[in-house]
Amino acid sequence: MKAKSFVAIGLIFCFICGAIGLLYRLQDYDAYYYTQIDNSKVKKLPANSDMPYEYSLDCYGKNGKRKKLTFKTYRILREDAYLLLEVRAFGVYRWEEVQPGDLPPKVRDQYRAAG
């Protein structure tokens, strides 16, 4: 009976450690992307939403790799403003406006090529 208890406790311990490791891996604290606001791509959500606007924009990592991201805001953002997006496992965690000079060189190159 003691052997079965030790095996059960060992399996539970392994499961908990695996779950913690998976959550840590999914959290990806270093995922930052840059985007430029295009208000033609904003979607108005229902009025009862606390974040009534949703943007789906092309974003670029510091290495210039493109990724489409969706995030919500409580207001329409300034047209052509550049944003730094902090992305975690379940999407955009937070954003802040940055100046064009703050963009990494590879991101700046992407916007020069597009514009």
PDB file of N, CA and C in Angstrom:
ATOM      1  N   MET A   1       0.806  -1.185   0.000  1.00  0.00           N
ATOM      2  CA  MET A   1       0.000   0.000   0.000  1.00  0.00           C
ATOM      3  C   MET A   1       0.861   1.266   0.000  1.00  0.00           C
ATOM      4  N   LYS A   2       1.982   1.235   0.770  1.00  0.00           N
ATOM      5  CA  LYS A   2       2.873   2.389   0.817  1.00  0.00           C
ATOM      6  C   LYS A   2       3.477   2.660  -0.557  1.00  0.00           C
ATOM      7  N   ALA A   3       3.807   1.608  -1.290  1.00  0.00           N
ATOM      8  CA  ALA A   3       4.407   1.767  -2.617  1.00  0.00           C
ATOM      9  C   ALA A   3       3.443   2.477  -3.557  1.00  0.00           C
ATOM     10  N   LYS A   4       2.167   2.123  -3.500  1.00  0.00           N
ATOM     11  CA  LYS A   4       1.169   2.771  -4.354  1.00  0.00           C
ATOM     12  C   LYS A   4       1.026   4.253  -3.988  1.00  0.00           C
ATOM     13  N   SER A   5       1.110   4.575  -2.720  1.00  0.00           N
ATOM     14  CA  SER A   5       1.016   5.967  -2.279  1.00  0.00           C
ATOM     15  C   SER A   5       2.198   6.774  -2.795  1.00  0.00           C
ATOM     16  N   PHE A   6       3.399   6.181  -2.732  1.00  0.00           N
ATOM     17  CA  PHE A   6       4.587   6.874  -3.231  1.00  0.00           C
ATOM     18  C   PHE A   6       4.502   7.089  -4.733  1.00  0.00           C
ATOM     19  N   VAL A   7       4.008   6.108  -5.460  1.00  0.00           N
ATOM     20  CA  VAL A   7       3.859   6.238  -6.913  1.00  0.00           C
ATOM     21  C   VAL A   7       2.837   7.338  -7.225  1.00  0.00           C
ATOM     22  N   ALA A   8       1.725   7.342  -6.524  1.00  0.00           N
ATOM     23  CA  ALA A   8       0.693   8.354  -6.746  1.00  0.00           C
ATOM     24  C   ALA A   8       1.229   9.753  -6.447  1.00  0.00           C
ATOM     25  N   ILE A   9       1.927   9.895  -5.330  1.00  0.00           N
ATOM     26  CA  ILE A   9       2.510  11.195  -4.973  1.00  0.00           C
ATOM     27  C   ILE A   9       3.549  11.612  -6.012  1.00  0.00           C
ATOM     28  N   GLY A  10       4.352  10.672  -6.478  1.00  0.00           N
ATOM     29  CA  GLY A  10       5.352  10.967  -7.508  1.00  0.00           C
ATOM     30  C   GLY A  10       4.700  11.420  -8.805  1.00  0.00           C
ATOM     31  N   LEU A  11       3.622  10.755  -9.216  1.00  0.00           N
ATOM     32  CA  LEU A  11       2.916  11.149 -10.438  1.00  0.00           C
ATOM     33  C   LEU A  11       2.285  12.533 -10.301  1.00  0.00           C
ATOM     34  N   ILE A  12       1.704  12.805  -9.169  1.00  0.00           N
ATOM     35  CA  ILE A  12       1.109  14.122  -8.931  1.00  0.00           C
ATOM     36  C   ILE A  12       2.193  15.199  -8.961  1.00  0.00           C
ATOM     37  N   PHE A  13       3.322  14.922  -8.338  1.00  0.00           N
ATOM     38  CA  PHE A  13       4.445  15.862  -8.326  1.00  0.00           C
ATOM     39  C   PHE A  13       4.929  16.118  -9.761  1.00  0.00           C
ATOM     40  N   CYS A  14       5.082  15.060 -10.551  1.00  0.00           N
ATOM     41  CA  CYS A  14       5.521  15.212 -11.950  1.00  0.00           C
ATOM     42  C   CYS A  14       4.510  16.028 -12.758  1.00  0.00           C
ATOM     43  N   PHE A  15       3.228  15.772 -12.531  1.00  0.00           N
ATOM     44  CA  PHE A  15       2.182  16.503 -13.244  1.00  0.00           C
ATOM     45  C   PHE A  15       2.235  17.999 -12.890  1.00  0.00           C
ATOM     46  N   ILE A  16       2.373  18.310 -11.619  1.00  0.00           N
ATOM     47  CA  ILE A  16       2.428  19.706 -11.188  1.00  0.00           C
ATOM     48  C   ILE A  16       3.661  20.400 -11.760  1.00  0.00           C
ATOM     49  N   CYS A  17       4.802  19.728 -11.711  1.00  0.00           N
ATOM     50  CA  CYS A  17       6.031  20.321 -12.273  1.00  0.00           C
ATOM     51  C   CYS A  17       5.894  20.531 -13.777  1.00  0.00           C
ATOM     52  N   GLY A  18       5.304  19.583 -14.469  1.00  0.00           N
ATOM     53  CA  GLY A  18       5.090  19.719 -15.907  1.00  0.00           C
ATOM     54  C   GLY A  18       4.157  20.871 -16.235  1.00  0.00           C
ATOM     55  N   ALA A  19       3.089  21.021 -15.455  1.00  0.00           N
ATOM     56  CA  ALA A  19       2.139  22.110 -15.679  1.00  0.00           C
ATOM     57  C   ALA A  19       2.805  23.466 -15.445  1.00  0.00           C
ATOM     58  N   ILE A  20       3.593  23.566 -14.389  1.00  0.00           N
ATOM     59  CA  ILE A  20       4.299  24.824 -14.103  1.00  0.00           C
ATOM     60  C   ILE A  20       5.289  25.139 -15.222  1.00  0.00           C
ATOM     61  N   GLY A  21       6.019  24.138 -15.674  1.00  0.00           N
ATOM     62  CA  GLY A  21       6.960  24.336 -16.770  1.00  0.00           C
ATOM     63  C   GLY A  21       6.268  24.769 -18.052  1.00  0.00           C
ATOM     64  N   LEU A  22       5.127  24.163 -18.357  1.00  0.00           N
ATOM     65  CA  LEU A  22       4.374  24.524 -19.556  1.00  0.00           C
ATOM     66  C   LEU A  22       3.859  25.958 -19.467  1.00  0.00           C
ATOM     67  N   LEU A  23       3.316  26.334 -18.339  1.00  0.00           N
ATOM     68  CA  LEU A  23       2.838  27.707 -18.171  1.00  0.00           C
ATOM     69  C   LEU A  23       3.977  28.716 -18.288  1.00  0.00           C
ATOM     70  N   TYR A  24       5.114  28.391 -17.724  1.00  0.00           N
ATOM     71  CA  TYR A  24       6.272  29.282 -17.827  1.00  0.00           C
ATOM     72  C   TYR A  24       6.688  29.430 -19.278  1.00  0.00           C
ATOM     73  N   ARG A  25       6.687  28.330 -20.004  1.00  0.00           N
ATOM     74  CA  ARG A  25       7.077  28.342 -21.421  1.00  0.00           C
ATOM     75  C   ARG A  25       6.079  29.152 -22.248  1.00  0.00           C
ATOM     76  N   LEU A  26       4.803  28.997 -21.958  1.00  0.00           N
ATOM     77  CA  LEU A  26       3.776  29.716 -22.706  1.00  0.00           C
ATOM     78  C   LEU A  26       3.773  31.206 -22.425  1.00  0.00           C
ATOM     79  N   GLN A  27       4.229  31.599 -21.265  1.00  0.00           N
ATOM     80  CA  GLN A  27       4.154  32.999 -20.860  1.00  0.00           C
ATOM     81  C   GLN A  27       5.051  33.895 -21.710  1.00  0.00           C
ATOM     82  N   ASP A  28       6.178  33.423 -22.192  1.00  0.00           N
ATOM     83  CA  ASP A  28       7.057  34.132 -23.126  1.00  0.00           C
ATOM     84  C   ASP A  28       7.152  35.629 -22.819  1.00  0.00           C
ATOM     85  N   TYR A  29       7.846  35.982 -21.758  1.00  0.00           N
ATOM     86  CA  TYR A  29       7.926  37.359 -21.297  1.00  0.00           C
ATOM     87  C   TYR A  29       8.700  38.291 -22.227  1.00  0.00           C
ATOM     88  N   ASP A  30       9.440  37.756 -23.186  1.00  0.00           N
ATOM     89  CA  ASP A  30      10.272  38.596 -24.037  1.00  0.00           C
ATOM     90  C   ASP A  30       9.686  38.809 -25.419  1.00  0.00           C
ATOM     91  N   ALA A  31       8.389  38.629 -25.604  1.00  0.00           N
ATOM     92  CA  ALA A  31       7.783  38.794 -26.916  1.00  0.00           C
ATOM     93  C   ALA A  31       7.284  40.228 -27.082  1.00  0.00           C
ATOM     94  N   TYR A  32       8.015  40.999 -27.835  1.00  0.00           N
ATOM     95  CA  TYR A  32       7.638  42.382 -28.107  1.00  0.00           C
ATOM     96  C   TYR A  32       7.519  42.565 -29.609  1.00  0.00           C
ATOM     97  N   TYR A  33       6.476  43.243 -30.029  1.00  0.00           N
ATOM     98  CA  TYR A  33       6.250  43.524 -31.441  1.00  0.00           C
ATOM     99  C   TYR A  33       5.954  45.007 -31.596  1.00  0.00           C
ATOM    100  N   TYR A  34       6.180  45.494 -32.810  1.00  0.00           N
ATOM    101  CA  TYR A  34       5.933  46.890 -33.134  1.00  0.00           C
ATOM    102  C   TYR A  34       4.917  46.948 -34.257  1.00  0.00           C
ATOM    103  N   THR A  35       4.051  47.945 -34.206  1.00  0.00           N
ATOM    104  CA  THR A  35       3.064  48.128 -35.261  1.00  0.00           C
ATOM    105  C   THR A  35       2.799  49.609 -35.472  1.00  0.00           C
ATOM    106  N   GLN A  36       2.151  49.899 -36.584  1.00  0.00           N
ATOM    107  CA  GLN A  36       1.744  51.266 -36.886  1.00  0.00           C
ATOM    108  C   GLN A  36       0.221  51.266 -37.006  1.00  0.00           C
ATOM    109  N   ILE A  37      -0.419  52.205 -36.366  1.00  0.00           N
ATOM    110  CA  ILE A  37      -1.881  52.260 -36.338  1.00  0.00           C
ATOM    111  C   ILE A  37      -2.447  52.626 -37.701  1.00  0.00           C
ATOM    112  N   ASP A  38      -3.424  51.844 -38.115  1.00  0.00           N
ATOM    113  CA  ASP A  38      -4.194  52.080 -39.337  1.00  0.00           C
ATOM    114  C   ASP A  38      -5.664  51.994 -38.925  1.00  0.00           C
ATOM    115  N   ASN A  39      -6.307  53.154 -38.778  1.00  0.00           N
ATOM    116  CA  ASN A  39      -7.678  53.180 -38.274  1.00  0.00           C
ATOM    117  C   ASN A  39      -8.707  52.637 -39.259  1.00  0.00           C
ATOM    118  N   SER A  40      -8.301  52.336 -40.478  1.00  0.00           N
ATOM    119  CA  SER A  40      -9.235  51.681 -41.391  1.00  0.00           C
ATOM    120  C   SER A  40      -9.400  50.205 -41.019  1.00  0.00           C
ATOM    121  N   LYS A  41      -8.552  49.702 -40.122  1.00  0.00           N
ATOM    122  CA  LYS A  41      -8.607  48.297 -39.710  1.00  0.00           C
ATOM    123  C   LYS A  41      -9.139  48.108 -38.294  1.00  0.00           C
ATOM    124  N   VAL A  42      -9.780  49.137 -37.757  1.00  0.00           N
ATOM    125  CA  VAL A  42     -10.361  49.023 -36.421  1.00  0.00           C
ATOM    126  C   VAL A  42     -11.787  48.503 -36.553  1.00  0.00           C
ATOM    127  N   LYS A  43     -12.172  47.663 -35.613  1.00  0.00           N
ATOM    128  CA  LYS A  43     -13.516  47.080 -35.599  1.00  0.00           C
ATOM    129  C   LYS A  43     -14.231  47.552 -34.332  1.00  0.00           C
ATOM    130  N   LYS A  44     -15.450  48.038 -34.502  1.00  0.00           N
ATOM    131  CA  LYS A  44     -16.256  48.493 -33.358  1.00  0.00           C
ATOM    132  C   LYS A  44     -16.955  47.280 -32.766  1.00  0.00           C
ATOM    133  N   LEU A  45     -16.772  47.076 -31.463  1.00  0.00           N
ATOM    134  CA  LEU A  45     -17.382  45.958 -30.751  1.00  0.00           C
ATOM    135  C   LEU A  45     -18.685  46.417 -30.095  1.00  0.00           C
ATOM    136  N   PRO A  46     -19.481  45.495 -29.567  1.00  0.00           N
ATOM    137  CA  PRO A  46     -20.742  45.887 -28.917  1.00  0.00           C
ATOM    138  C   PRO A  46     -20.531  46.932 -27.811  1.00  0.00           C
ATOM    139  N   ALA A  47     -21.519  47.769 -27.628  1.00  0.00           N
ATOM    140  CA  ALA A  47     -21.428  48.888 -26.688  1.00  0.00           C
ATOM    141  C   ALA A  47     -21.224  48.446 -25.250  1.00  0.00           C
ATOM    142  N   ASN A  48     -21.630  47.240 -24.891  1.00  0.00           N
ATOM    143  CA  ASN A  48     -21.489  46.800 -23.497  1.00  0.00           C
ATOM    144  C   ASN A  48     -20.095  46.271 -23.178  1.00  0.00           C
ATOM    145  N   SER A  49     -19.190  46.320 -24.125  1.00  0.00           N
ATOM    146  CA  SER A  49     -17.821  45.846 -23.917  1.00  0.00           C
ATOM    147  C   SER A  49     -16.990  46.929 -23.225  1.00  0.00           C
ATOM    148  N   ASP A  50     -16.104  46.524 -22.298  1.00  0.00           N
ATOM    149  CA  ASP A  50     -15.242  47.511 -21.627  1.00  0.00           C
ATOM    150  C   ASP A  50     -14.133  47.993 -22.561  1.00  0.00           C
ATOM    151  N   MET A  51     -13.827  47.233 -23.582  1.00  0.00           N
ATOM    152  CA  MET A  51     -12.856  47.622 -24.609  1.00  0.00           C
ATOM    153  C   MET A  51     -13.598  47.591 -25.944  1.00  0.00           C
ATOM    154  N   PRO A  52     -14.197  48.711 -26.358  1.00  0.00           N
ATOM    155  CA  PRO A  52     -15.101  48.696 -27.507  1.00  0.00           C
ATOM    156  C   PRO A  52     -14.444  48.718 -28.892  1.00  0.00           C
ATOM    157  N   TYR A  53     -13.114  48.774 -28.970  1.00  0.00           N
ATOM    158  CA  TYR A  53     -12.444  48.817 -30.266  1.00  0.00           C
ATOM    159  C   TYR A  53     -11.425  47.679 -30.364  1.00  0.00           C
ATOM    160  N   GLU A  54     -11.367  47.070 -31.547  1.00  0.00           N
ATOM    161  CA  GLU A  54     -10.436  45.962 -31.758  1.00  0.00           C
ATOM    162  C   GLU A  54      -9.630  46.215 -33.028  1.00  0.00           C
ATOM    163  N   TYR A  55      -8.323  46.143 -32.890  1.00  0.00           N
ATOM    164  CA  TYR A  55      -7.406  46.315 -34.013  1.00  0.00           C
ATOM    165  C   TYR A  55      -6.807  44.963 -34.401  1.00  0.00           C
ATOM    166  N   SER A  56      -6.713  44.699 -35.702  1.00  0.00           N
ATOM    167  CA  SER A  56      -5.986  43.544 -36.233  1.00  0.00           C
ATOM    168  C   SER A  56      -4.971  44.108 -37.214  1.00  0.00           C
ATOM    169  N   LEU A  57      -3.712  44.097 -36.810  1.00  0.00           N
ATOM    170  CA  LEU A  57      -2.663  44.766 -37.584  1.00  0.00           C
ATOM    171  C   LEU A  57      -1.458  43.859 -37.805  1.00  0.00           C
ATOM    172  N   ASP A  58      -0.728  44.136 -38.887  1.00  0.00           N
ATOM    173  CA  ASP A  58       0.550  43.476 -39.099  1.00  0.00           C
ATOM    174  C   ASP A  58       1.548  44.083 -38.130  1.00  0.00           C
ATOM    175  N   CYS A  59       2.283  43.230 -37.444  1.00  0.00           N
ATOM    176  CA  CYS A  59       3.264  43.667 -36.458  1.00  0.00           C
ATOM    177  C   CYS A  59       4.600  43.030 -36.794  1.00  0.00           C
ATOM    178  N   TYR A  60       5.666  43.620 -36.284  1.00  0.00           N
ATOM    179  CA  TYR A  60       7.009  43.124 -36.569  1.00  0.00           C
ATOM    180  C   TYR A  60       7.794  42.957 -35.275  1.00  0.00           C
ATOM    181  N   GLY A  61       8.481  41.821 -35.159  1.00  0.00           N
ATOM    182  CA  GLY A  61       9.381  41.599 -34.050  1.00  0.00           C
ATOM    183  C   GLY A  61      10.669  42.366 -34.285  1.00  0.00           C
ATOM    184  N   LYS A  62      11.539  42.408 -33.282  1.00  0.00           N
ATOM    185  CA  LYS A  62      12.775  43.192 -33.422  1.00  0.00           C
ATOM    186  C   LYS A  62      13.677  42.674 -34.535  1.00  0.00           C
ATOM    187  N   ASN A  63      13.449  41.420 -34.960  1.00  0.00           N
ATOM    188  CA  ASN A  63      14.223  40.853 -36.066  1.00  0.00           C
ATOM    189  C   ASN A  63      13.573  41.100 -37.418  1.00  0.00           C
ATOM    190  N   GLY A  64      12.412  41.787 -37.433  1.00  0.00           N
ATOM    191  CA  GLY A  64      11.726  42.117 -38.672  1.00  0.00           C
ATOM    192  C   GLY A  64      10.711  41.078 -39.115  1.00  0.00           C
ATOM    193  N   LYS A  65      10.528  40.026 -38.336  1.00  0.00           N
ATOM    194  CA  LYS A  65       9.571  38.982 -38.695  1.00  0.00           C
ATOM    195  C   LYS A  65       8.147  39.489 -38.479  1.00  0.00           C
ATOM    196  N   ARG A  66       7.297  39.291 -39.498  1.00  0.00           N
ATOM    197  CA  ARG A  66       5.925  39.796 -39.458  1.00  0.00           C
ATOM    198  C   ARG A  66       4.985  38.797 -38.790  1.00  0.00           C
ATOM    199  N   LYS A  67       4.023  39.342 -38.048  1.00  0.00           N
ATOM    200  CA  LYS A  67       3.006  38.537 -37.385  1.00  0.00           C
ATOM    201  C   LYS A  67       1.744  39.388 -37.276  1.00  0.00           C
ATOM    202  N   LYS A  68       0.590  38.804 -37.568  1.00  0.00           N
ATOM    203  CA  LYS A  68      -0.678  39.529 -37.427  1.00  0.00           C
ATOM    204  C   LYS A  68      -1.163  39.372 -35.991  1.00  0.00           C
ATOM    205  N   LEU A  69      -1.417  40.502 -35.326  1.00  0.00           N
ATOM    206  CA  LEU A  69      -1.882  40.486 -33.947  1.00  0.00           C
ATOM    207  C   LEU A  69      -3.180  41.262 -33.826  1.00  0.00           C
ATOM    208  N   THR A  70      -3.997  40.833 -32.889  1.00  0.00           N
ATOM    209  CA  THR A  70      -5.271  41.486 -32.602  1.00  0.00           C
ATOM    210  C   THR A  70      -5.261  41.924 -31.145  1.00  0.00           C
ATOM    211  N   PHE A  71      -5.702  43.154 -30.905  1.00  0.00           N
ATOM    212  CA  PHE A  71      -5.783  43.655 -29.538  1.00  0.00           C
ATOM    213  C   PHE A  71      -6.926  44.644 -29.429  1.00  0.00           C
ATOM    214  N   LYS A  72      -7.407  44.828 -28.212  1.00  0.00           N
ATOM    215  CA  LYS A  72      -8.543  45.715 -27.954  1.00  0.00           C
ATOM    216  C   LYS A  72      -8.077  46.975 -27.230  1.00  0.00           C
ATOM    217  N   THR A  73      -8.825  48.054 -27.433  1.00  0.00           N
ATOM    218  CA  THR A  73      -8.552  49.310 -26.751  1.00  0.00           C
ATOM    219  C   THR A  73      -9.862  49.946 -26.310  1.00  0.00           C
ATOM    220  N   TYR A  74      -9.761  50.921 -25.440  1.00  0.00           N
ATOM    221  CA  TYR A  74     -10.943  51.620 -24.972  1.00  0.00           C
ATOM    222  C   TYR A  74     -11.229  52.872 -25.791  1.00  0.00           C
ATOM    223  N   ARG A  75     -10.348  53.194 -26.757  1.00  0.00           N
ATOM    224  CA  ARG A  75     -10.539  54.378 -27.597  1.00  0.00           C
ATOM    225  C   ARG A  75      -9.878  54.155 -28.956  1.00  0.00           C
ATOM    226  N   ILE A  76     -10.232  54.985 -29.906  1.00  0.00           N
ATOM    227  CA  ILE A  76      -9.576  54.974 -31.210  1.00  0.00           C
ATOM    228  C   ILE A  76      -8.178  55.566 -31.010  1.00  0.00           C
ATOM    229  N   LEU A  77      -7.181  54.911 -31.563  1.00  0.00           N
ATOM    230  CA  LEU A  77      -5.802  55.370 -31.389  1.00  0.00           C
ATOM    231  C   LEU A  77      -5.412  56.344 -32.500  1.00  0.00           C
ATOM    232  N   ARG A  78      -4.351  57.075 -32.248  1.00  0.00           N
ATOM    233  CA  ARG A  78      -3.888  58.105 -33.192  1.00  0.00           C
ATOM    234  C   ARG A  78      -3.381  57.454 -34.479  1.00  0.00           C
ATOM    235  N   GLU A  79      -3.916  57.901 -35.603  1.00  0.00           N
ATOM    236  CA  GLU A  79      -3.539  57.374 -36.916  1.00  0.00           C
ATOM    237  C   GLU A  79      -2.029  57.507 -37.134  1.00  0.00           C
ATOM    238  N   ASP A  80      -1.419  56.452 -37.662  1.00  0.00           N
ATOM    239  CA  ASP A  80       0.011  56.362 -37.995  1.00  0.00           C
ATOM    240  C   ASP A  80       0.934  56.347 -36.778  1.00  0.00           C
ATOM    241  N   ALA A  81       0.391  56.283 -35.573  1.00  0.00           N
ATOM    242  CA  ALA A  81       1.239  56.186 -34.383  1.00  0.00           C
ATOM    243  C   ALA A  81       1.902  54.806 -34.364  1.00  0.00           C
ATOM    244  N   TYR A  82       3.105  54.742 -33.828  1.00  0.00           N
ATOM    245  CA  TYR A  82       3.808  53.470 -33.660  1.00  0.00           C
ATOM    246  C   TYR A  82       3.585  52.970 -32.245  1.00  0.00           C
ATOM    247  N   LEU A  83       3.317  51.669 -32.134  1.00  0.00           N
ATOM    248  CA  LEU A  83       3.092  51.060 -30.830  1.00  0.00           C
ATOM    249  C   LEU A  83       4.082  49.942 -30.576  1.00  0.00           C
ATOM    250  N   LEU A  84       4.459  49.799 -29.324  1.00  0.00           N
ATOM    251  CA  LEU A  84       5.205  48.647 -28.842  1.00  0.00           C
ATOM    252  C   LEU A  84       4.184  47.766 -28.130  1.00  0.00           C
ATOM    253  N   LEU A  85       4.042  46.525 -28.592  1.00  0.00           N
ATOM    254  CA  LEU A  85       3.082  45.590 -28.007  1.00  0.00           C
ATOM    255  C   LEU A  85       3.834  44.526 -27.220  1.00  0.00           C
ATOM    256  N   GLU A  86       3.431  44.312 -25.977  1.00  0.00           N
ATOM    257  CA  GLU A  86       3.986  43.221 -25.185  1.00  0.00           C
ATOM    258  C   GLU A  86       3.018  42.050 -25.307  1.00  0.00           C
ATOM    259  N   VAL A  87       3.511  40.935 -25.842  1.00  0.00           N
ATOM    260  CA  VAL A  87       2.664  39.782 -26.115  1.00  0.00           C
ATOM    261  C   VAL A  87       3.015  38.653 -25.163  1.00  0.00           C
ATOM    262  N   ARG A  88       1.979  38.070 -24.592  1.00  0.00           N
ATOM    263  CA  ARG A  88       2.138  36.905 -23.716  1.00  0.00           C
ATOM    264  C   ARG A  88       1.345  35.749 -24.307  1.00  0.00           C
ATOM    265  N   ALA A  89       1.215  34.683 -23.567  1.00  0.00           N
ATOM    266  CA  ALA A  89       0.615  33.452 -24.085  1.00  0.00           C
ATOM    267  C   ALA A  89      -0.781  33.653 -24.663  1.00  0.00           C
ATOM    268  N   PHE A  90      -1.564  34.522 -24.080  1.00  0.00           N
ATOM    269  CA  PHE A  90      -2.947  34.661 -24.503  1.00  0.00           C
ATOM    270  C   PHE A  90      -3.202  35.938 -25.284  1.00  0.00           C
ATOM    271  N   GLY A  91      -2.180  36.512 -25.875  1.00  0.00           N
ATOM    272  CA  GLY A  91      -2.359  37.687 -26.720  1.00  0.00           C
ATOM    273  C   GLY A  91      -1.614  38.902 -26.200  1.00  0.00           C
ATOM    274  N   VAL A  92      -2.051  40.058 -26.688  1.00  0.00           N
ATOM    275  CA  VAL A  92      -1.399  41.321 -26.327  1.00  0.00           C
ATOM    276  C   VAL A  92      -1.732  41.635 -24.877  1.00  0.00           C
ATOM    277  N   TYR A  93      -0.691  41.763 -24.087  1.00  0.00           N
ATOM    278  CA  TYR A  93      -0.830  42.024 -22.653  1.00  0.00           C
ATOM    279  C   TYR A  93      -0.955  43.521 -22.380  1.00  0.00           C
ATOM    280  N   ARG A  94      -0.113  44.304 -23.070  1.00  0.00           N
ATOM    281  CA  ARG A  94      -0.170  45.763 -22.929  1.00  0.00           C
ATOM    282  C   ARG A  94       0.482  46.384 -24.150  1.00  0.00           C
ATOM    283  N   TRP A  95       0.219  47.656 -24.353  1.00  0.00           N
ATOM    284  CA  TRP A  95       0.816  48.400 -25.458  1.00  0.00           C
ATOM    285  C   TRP A  95       1.148  49.807 -25.000  1.00  0.00           C
ATOM    286  N   GLU A  96       2.083  50.412 -25.721  1.00  0.00           N
ATOM    287  CA  GLU A  96       2.416  51.812 -25.456  1.00  0.00           C
ATOM    288  C   GLU A  96       2.909  52.451 -26.743  1.00  0.00           C
ATOM    289  N   GLU A  97       2.634  53.726 -26.895  1.00  0.00           N
ATOM    290  CA  GLU A  97       3.079  54.448 -28.081  1.00  0.00           C
ATOM    291  C   GLU A  97       4.572  54.728 -27.971  1.00  0.00           C
ATOM    292  N   VAL A  98       5.275  54.572 -29.102  1.00  0.00           N
ATOM    293  CA  VAL A  98       6.712  54.853 -29.160  1.00  0.00           C
ATOM    294  C   VAL A  98       6.985  55.790 -30.327  1.00  0.00           C
ATOM    295  N   GLN A  99       8.126  56.422 -30.292  1.00  0.00           N
ATOM    296  CA  GLN A  99       8.549  57.322 -31.365  1.00  0.00           C
ATOM    297  C   GLN A  99       9.203  56.507 -32.486  1.00  0.00           C
ATOM    298  N   PRO A 100       9.147  56.999 -33.726  1.00  0.00           N
ATOM    299  CA  PRO A 100       9.769  56.264 -34.844  1.00  0.00           C
ATOM    300  C   PRO A 100      11.250  55.962 -34.606  1.00  0.00           C
ATOM    301  N   GLY A 101      11.953  56.832 -33.920  1.00  0.00           N
ATOM    302  CA  GLY A 101      13.369  56.612 -33.631  1.00  0.00           C
ATOM    303  C   GLY A 101      13.611  55.478 -32.644  1.00  0.00           C
ATOM    304  N   ASP A 102      12.566  55.058 -31.925  1.00  0.00           N
ATOM    305  CA  ASP A 102      12.692  53.961 -30.961  1.00  0.00           C
ATOM    306  C   ASP A 102      12.521  52.587 -31.597  1.00  0.00           C
ATOM    307  N   LEU A 103      12.138  52.555 -32.882  1.00  0.00           N
ATOM    308  CA  LEU A 103      11.945  51.275 -33.554  1.00  0.00           C
ATOM    309  C   LEU A 103      13.288  50.614 -33.831  1.00  0.00           C
ATOM    310  N   PRO A 104      13.380  49.288 -33.682  1.00  0.00           N
ATOM    311  CA  PRO A 104      14.612  48.590 -34.052  1.00  0.00           C
ATOM    312  C   PRO A 104      14.879  48.759 -35.556  1.00  0.00           C
ATOM    313  N   PRO A 105      16.132  48.710 -35.971  1.00  0.00           N
ATOM    314  CA  PRO A 105      16.469  48.941 -37.383  1.00  0.00           C
ATOM    315  C   PRO A 105      15.721  48.036 -38.362  1.00  0.00           C
ATOM    316  N   LYS A 106      15.556  46.776 -38.057  1.00  0.00           N
ATOM    317  CA  LYS A 106      14.873  45.864 -38.983  1.00  0.00           C
ATOM    318  C   LYS A 106      13.386  46.180 -39.097  1.00  0.00           C
ATOM    319  N   VAL A 107      12.787  46.666 -38.025  1.00  0.00           N
ATOM    320  CA  VAL A 107      11.378  47.072 -38.065  1.00  0.00           C
ATOM    321  C   VAL A 107      11.245  48.344 -38.905  1.00  0.00           C
ATOM    322  N   ARG A 108      12.143  49.299 -38.693  1.00  0.00           N
ATOM    323  CA  ARG A 108      12.137  50.534 -39.478  1.00  0.00           C
ATOM    324  C   ARG A 108      12.256  50.224 -40.963  1.00  0.00           C
ATOM    325  N   ASP A 109      13.126  49.261 -41.307  1.00  0.00           N
ATOM    326  CA  ASP A 109      13.303  48.866 -42.705  1.00  0.00           C
ATOM    327  C   ASP A 109      12.009  48.314 -43.293  1.00  0.00           C
ATOM    328  N   GLN A 110      11.255  47.550 -42.506  1.00  0.00           N
ATOM    329  CA  GLN A 110       9.977  47.005 -42.976  1.00  0.00           C
ATOM    330  C   GLN A 110       8.994  48.120 -43.319  1.00  0.00           C
ATOM    331  N   TYR A 111       8.933  49.145 -42.487  1.00  0.00           N
ATOM    332  CA  TYR A 111       8.004  50.237 -42.741  1.00  0.00           C
ATOM    333  C   TYR A 111       8.474  51.123 -43.896  1.00  0.00           C
ATOM    334  N   ARG A 112       9.764  51.270 -44.072  1.00  0.00           N
ATOM    335  CA  ARG A 112      10.285  52.026 -45.219  1.00  0.00           C
ATOM    336  C   ARG A 112       9.945  51.315 -46.518  1.00  0.00           C
ATOM    337  N   ALA A 113      10.076  49.994 -46.530  1.00  0.00           N
ATOM    338  CA  ALA A 113       9.786  49.202 -47.726  1.00  0.00           C
ATOM    339  C   ALA A 113       8.295  49.239 -48.068  1.00  0.00           C
ATOM    340  N   ALA A 114       7.448  49.282 -47.048  1.00  0.00           N
ATOM    341  CA  ALA A 114       5.992  49.291 -47.267  1.00  0.00           C
ATOM    342  C   ALA A 114       5.493  50.670 -47.678  1.00  0.00           C
ATOM    343  N   GLY A 115       6.157  51.708 -47.243  1.00  0.00           N
ATOM    344  CA  GLY A 115       5.652  53.059 -47.476  1.00  0.00           C
ATOM    345  C   GLY A 115       6.402  53.755 -48.504  1.00  0.00           C
TER     346      GLY A 115
END
